[in-house]
Amino acid sequence: MYAHDVSGGQWHTLPPPDQIDVATTALRMLAEPTRMRILWLLSGSEHDVASLAEAVLVARPVVSQHLAKLKLAGLVSVRRDGRRSLYSARGGHVRRLLAEALNAAEHHVLGLPDHD
């Protein structure tokens, strides 16, 4: 079941417990502002720890800890480039989840009407 495929009747049937658990973990990871900023940057392009730390104005060890949590939650992937590790958002679902959360926040902050 995909969010974009959900029709009115499907909202009456709960998703499987393991799916709820994974979704809850993903949302919990996004509930921290620094992780959300990091994931936003990783949605646009690959970054290493140093460039992320500079961009989000947080110390490298803190960024590394956030990346480890995001990776465990399945929200980011990592690839090696020589001695560097390059991180990126893990696919379109993650990017759309982040975009939807921020779009909903924008509507709330600006007092815009909700979409159906």
Protein backbone atom coordinates (compact mmCIF):
# COMPACT_ATOMS: atom_id res chain seq x y z
CA MET A 1 0.00 0.00 0.00
CA TYR A 2 1.37 3.40 -0.99
CA ALA A 3 0.18 6.72 0.40
CA HIS A 4 -0.68 7.97 -3.08
CA ASP A 5 -2.78 4.83 -3.72
CA VAL A 6 -4.89 5.07 -0.56
CA SER A 7 -8.57 5.53 -1.33
CA GLY A 8 -11.26 6.42 1.17
CA GLY A 9 -12.05 2.79 2.06
CA GLN A 10 -8.47 1.76 2.78
CA TRP A 11 -8.22 4.13 5.75
CA HIS A 12 -10.42 1.69 7.70
CA THR A 13 -7.83 -1.11 7.57
CA LEU A 14 -4.68 -0.75 9.65
CA PRO A 15 -1.31 -1.36 8.00
CA PRO A 16 0.73 -4.29 9.35
CA PRO A 17 2.46 -3.68 12.71
CA ASP A 18 5.98 -3.90 11.26
CA GLN A 19 5.11 -1.23 8.70
CA ILE A 20 3.76 1.03 11.46
CA ASP A 21 6.96 0.48 13.49
CA VAL A 22 9.24 1.42 10.59
CA ALA A 23 7.15 4.49 9.73
CA THR A 24 7.14 5.58 13.37
CA THR A 25 10.93 5.28 13.52
CA ALA A 26 11.30 7.36 10.35
CA LEU A 27 9.03 10.08 11.69
CA ARG A 28 10.84 10.05 15.04
CA MET A 29 14.12 10.66 13.20
CA LEU A 30 12.58 13.65 11.42
CA ALA A 31 11.35 15.09 14.72
CA GLU A 32 14.82 16.52 15.44
CA PRO A 33 15.59 19.83 13.66
CA THR A 34 19.27 19.13 12.92
CA ARG A 35 18.44 15.74 11.41
CA MET A 36 15.74 17.34 9.28
CA ARG A 37 18.22 19.95 8.01
CA ILE A 38 20.80 17.25 7.27
CA LEU A 39 18.26 15.11 5.43
CA TRP A 40 17.11 18.12 3.43
CA LEU A 41 20.65 18.72 2.21
CA LEU A 42 21.14 15.02 1.49
CA SER A 43 17.97 15.04 -0.59
CA GLY A 44 19.64 17.42 -3.03
CA SER A 45 23.11 15.88 -3.30
CA GLU A 46 25.74 13.77 -1.59
CA HIS A 47 27.68 15.28 1.28
CA ASP A 48 30.44 14.23 3.62
CA VAL A 49 30.39 14.88 7.35
CA ALA A 50 32.57 17.99 7.12
CA SER A 51 30.40 19.74 4.52
CA LEU A 52 27.24 18.89 6.45
CA ALA A 53 28.73 20.18 9.70
CA GLU A 54 29.62 23.45 8.02
CA ALA A 55 26.20 23.80 6.39
CA VAL A 56 24.12 23.10 9.50
CA LEU A 57 26.53 24.84 11.90
CA VAL A 58 26.99 21.80 14.14
CA ALA A 59 30.20 20.04 15.22
CA ARG A 60 31.34 17.06 13.14
CA PRO A 61 30.86 14.49 15.93
CA VAL A 62 27.26 15.63 16.35
CA VAL A 63 26.63 15.34 12.61
CA SER A 64 28.19 11.86 12.63
CA GLN A 65 25.85 10.79 15.42
CA HIS A 66 22.82 12.12 13.55
CA LEU A 67 23.93 10.39 10.34
CA ALA A 68 24.32 7.10 12.19
CA LYS A 69 20.74 7.36 13.47
CA LEU A 70 19.40 8.31 10.04
CA LYS A 71 21.27 5.40 8.49
CA LEU A 72 19.93 2.91 11.07
CA ALA A 73 16.42 4.18 10.37
CA GLY A 74 16.95 3.54 6.65
CA LEU A 75 16.65 7.19 5.67
CA VAL A 76 20.18 7.71 4.32
CA SER A 77 22.68 5.63 2.43
CA VAL A 78 26.44 5.92 2.39
CA ARG A 79 29.10 5.15 -0.19
CA ARG A 80 32.85 5.25 0.12
CA ASP A 81 34.93 7.53 -2.10
CA GLY A 82 38.51 6.76 -1.15
CA ARG A 83 38.81 7.69 2.52
CA ARG A 84 35.63 9.79 2.53
CA SER A 85 32.12 8.60 3.23
CA LEU A 86 29.46 10.32 1.15
CA TYR A 87 25.88 10.34 2.39
CA SER A 88 22.63 10.81 0.48
CA ALA A 89 18.91 10.52 1.13
CA ARG A 90 17.73 7.00 0.46
CA GLY A 91 15.34 7.30 -2.47
CA GLY A 92 12.28 9.20 -3.53
CA HIS A 93 10.09 8.05 -0.65
CA VAL A 94 12.39 9.72 1.86
CA ARG A 95 12.58 12.92 -0.18
CA ARG A 96 8.81 13.05 -0.59
CA LEU A 97 8.23 12.34 3.12
CA LEU A 98 10.49 15.24 4.03
CA ALA A 99 8.95 17.53 1.40
CA GLU A 100 5.41 16.73 2.57
CA ALA A 101 6.29 17.41 6.22
CA LEU A 102 7.81 20.76 5.30
CA ASN A 103 4.95 21.65 2.95
CA ALA A 104 2.44 20.94 5.73
CA ALA A 105 4.51 23.12 8.08
CA GLU A 106 4.59 25.92 5.50
CA HIS A 107 0.80 25.82 5.21
CA HIS A 108 0.47 25.96 8.98
CA VAL A 109 2.96 28.81 9.42
CA LEU A 110 1.48 30.90 6.59
CA GLY A 111 -2.13 30.06 7.41
CA LEU A 112 -2.74 28.52 3.99
CA PRO A 113 -5.68 26.12 3.46
CA ASP A 114 -5.05 22.38 3.49
CA HIS A 115 -5.14 20.30 0.30
CA ASP A 116 -7.54 17.40 -0.09
